[in-house]
């Protein structure tokens, strides 16, 4: 509210980083006005990598 009252909200980027453990946390941050979210993409990439490794192990392929 202070940023909006002083006319500074458009001049800053609010970034939420750390502590995002579920989609609910991301939705709460968005509801509070966050513009950027850290570590969410990292979690997606890690999950993708585990799925990829499972595919490699399942089919007996070697990197």
C-alpha atoms as a PDB file:
ATOM      1  CA  UNK A   1       0.000   0.000   0.000  1.00  0.00           C
ATOM      2  CA  UNK A   2       2.835   2.391   0.721  1.00  0.00           C
ATOM      3  CA  UNK A   3       4.250   1.982  -2.771  1.00  0.00           C
ATOM      4  CA  UNK A   4       0.860   2.707  -4.339  1.00  0.00           C
ATOM      5  CA  UNK A   5       0.193   5.705  -2.079  1.00  0.00           C
ATOM      6  CA  UNK A   6       3.545   7.251  -3.012  1.00  0.00           C
ATOM      7  CA  UNK A   7       3.173   6.478  -6.729  1.00  0.00           C
ATOM      8  CA  UNK A   8       6.164   4.130  -6.795  1.00  0.00           C
ATOM      9  CA  UNK A   9       4.471   0.799  -7.582  1.00  0.00           C
ATOM     10  CA  UNK A  10       5.004   1.155 -11.342  1.00  0.00           C
ATOM     11  CA  UNK A  11       8.701   1.911 -10.817  1.00  0.00           C
ATOM     12  CA  UNK A  12       9.645  -1.263  -8.910  1.00  0.00           C
ATOM     13  CA  UNK A  13       9.512  -4.984  -9.630  1.00  0.00           C
ATOM     14  CA  UNK A  14       8.344  -7.112  -6.717  1.00  0.00           C
ATOM     15  CA  UNK A  15      10.148 -10.441  -6.766  1.00  0.00           C
ATOM     16  CA  UNK A  16       9.201 -13.377  -4.549  1.00  0.00           C
ATOM     17  CA  UNK A  17      12.030 -15.829  -4.023  1.00  0.00           C
ATOM     18  CA  UNK A  18      12.397 -18.735  -1.620  1.00  0.00           C
ATOM     19  CA  UNK A  19       9.797 -20.492   0.445  1.00  0.00           C
ATOM     20  CA  UNK A  20       7.527 -21.273  -2.514  1.00  0.00           C
ATOM     21  CA  UNK A  21       6.626 -24.884  -1.823  1.00  0.00           C
ATOM     22  CA  UNK A  22       3.290 -25.266  -3.572  1.00  0.00           C
ATOM     23  CA  UNK A  23       1.007 -23.693  -6.109  1.00  0.00           C
ATOM     24  CA  UNK A  24      -0.929 -22.099  -3.273  1.00  0.00           C
ATOM     25  CA  UNK A  25       2.179 -20.149  -2.243  1.00  0.00           C
ATOM     26  CA  UNK A  26       2.564 -18.845  -5.801  1.00  0.00           C
ATOM     27  CA  UNK A  27      -1.113 -17.861  -5.944  1.00  0.00           C
ATOM     28  CA  UNK A  28      -0.830 -16.032  -2.607  1.00  0.00           C
ATOM     29  CA  UNK A  29       2.240 -14.147  -3.836  1.00  0.00           C
ATOM     30  CA  UNK A  30       0.387 -13.198  -7.028  1.00  0.00           C
ATOM     31  CA  UNK A  31      -2.608 -12.024  -5.001  1.00  0.00           C
ATOM     32  CA  UNK A  32      -0.283  -9.775  -2.991  1.00  0.00           C
ATOM     33  CA  UNK A  33       1.086  -8.226  -6.182  1.00  0.00           C
ATOM     34  CA  UNK A  34       4.307 -10.088  -6.968  1.00  0.00           C
ATOM     35  CA  UNK A  35       5.663  -9.559 -10.489  1.00  0.00           C
ATOM     36  CA  UNK A  36       8.373 -12.240 -10.577  1.00  0.00           C
ATOM     37  CA  UNK A  37       8.740 -15.620  -8.929  1.00  0.00           C
ATOM     38  CA  UNK A  38      12.100 -17.239  -8.230  1.00  0.00           C
ATOM     39  CA  UNK A  39      12.814 -20.953  -7.874  1.00  0.00           C
ATOM     40  CA  UNK A  40       9.525 -21.999  -9.463  1.00  0.00           C
ATOM     41  CA  UNK A  41      11.175 -22.622 -12.814  1.00  0.00           C
ATOM     42  CA  UNK A  42      14.040 -24.369 -11.054  1.00  0.00           C
ATOM     43  CA  UNK A  43      11.601 -26.796  -9.450  1.00  0.00           C
ATOM     44  CA  UNK A  44       9.997 -27.500 -12.814  1.00  0.00           C
ATOM     45  CA  UNK A  45      13.389 -28.175 -14.373  1.00  0.00           C
ATOM     46  CA  UNK A  46      14.397 -30.504 -11.533  1.00  0.00           C
ATOM     47  CA  UNK A  47      11.127 -32.422 -11.857  1.00  0.00           C
ATOM     48  CA  UNK A  48      11.648 -32.683 -15.618  1.00  0.00           C
ATOM     49  CA  UNK A  49      15.198 -33.947 -15.084  1.00  0.00           C
ATOM     50  CA  UNK A  50      13.986 -36.688 -12.714  1.00  0.00           C
ATOM     51  CA  UNK A  51      11.388 -37.789 -15.273  1.00  0.00           C
ATOM     52  CA  UNK A  52      14.068 -37.804 -17.964  1.00  0.00           C
ATOM     53  CA  UNK A  53      16.413 -39.869 -15.789  1.00  0.00           C
ATOM     54  CA  UNK A  54      13.592 -42.310 -15.083  1.00  0.00           C
ATOM     55  CA  UNK A  55      13.080 -42.666 -18.831  1.00  0.00           C
ATOM     56  CA  UNK A  56      16.803 -43.346 -19.291  1.00  0.00           C
ATOM     57  CA  UNK A  57      16.864 -45.992 -16.535  1.00  0.00           C
ATOM     58  CA  UNK A  58      13.623 -47.625 -17.702  1.00  0.00           C
ATOM     59  CA  UNK A  59      14.884 -48.154 -21.234  1.00  0.00           C
ATOM     60  CA  UNK A  60      18.442 -49.016 -20.156  1.00  0.00           C
ATOM     61  CA  UNK A  61      20.034 -46.167 -22.084  1.00  0.00           C
ATOM     62  CA  UNK A  62      23.361 -44.648 -21.127  1.00  0.00           C
ATOM     63  CA  UNK A  63      24.240 -40.967 -21.209  1.00  0.00           C
END
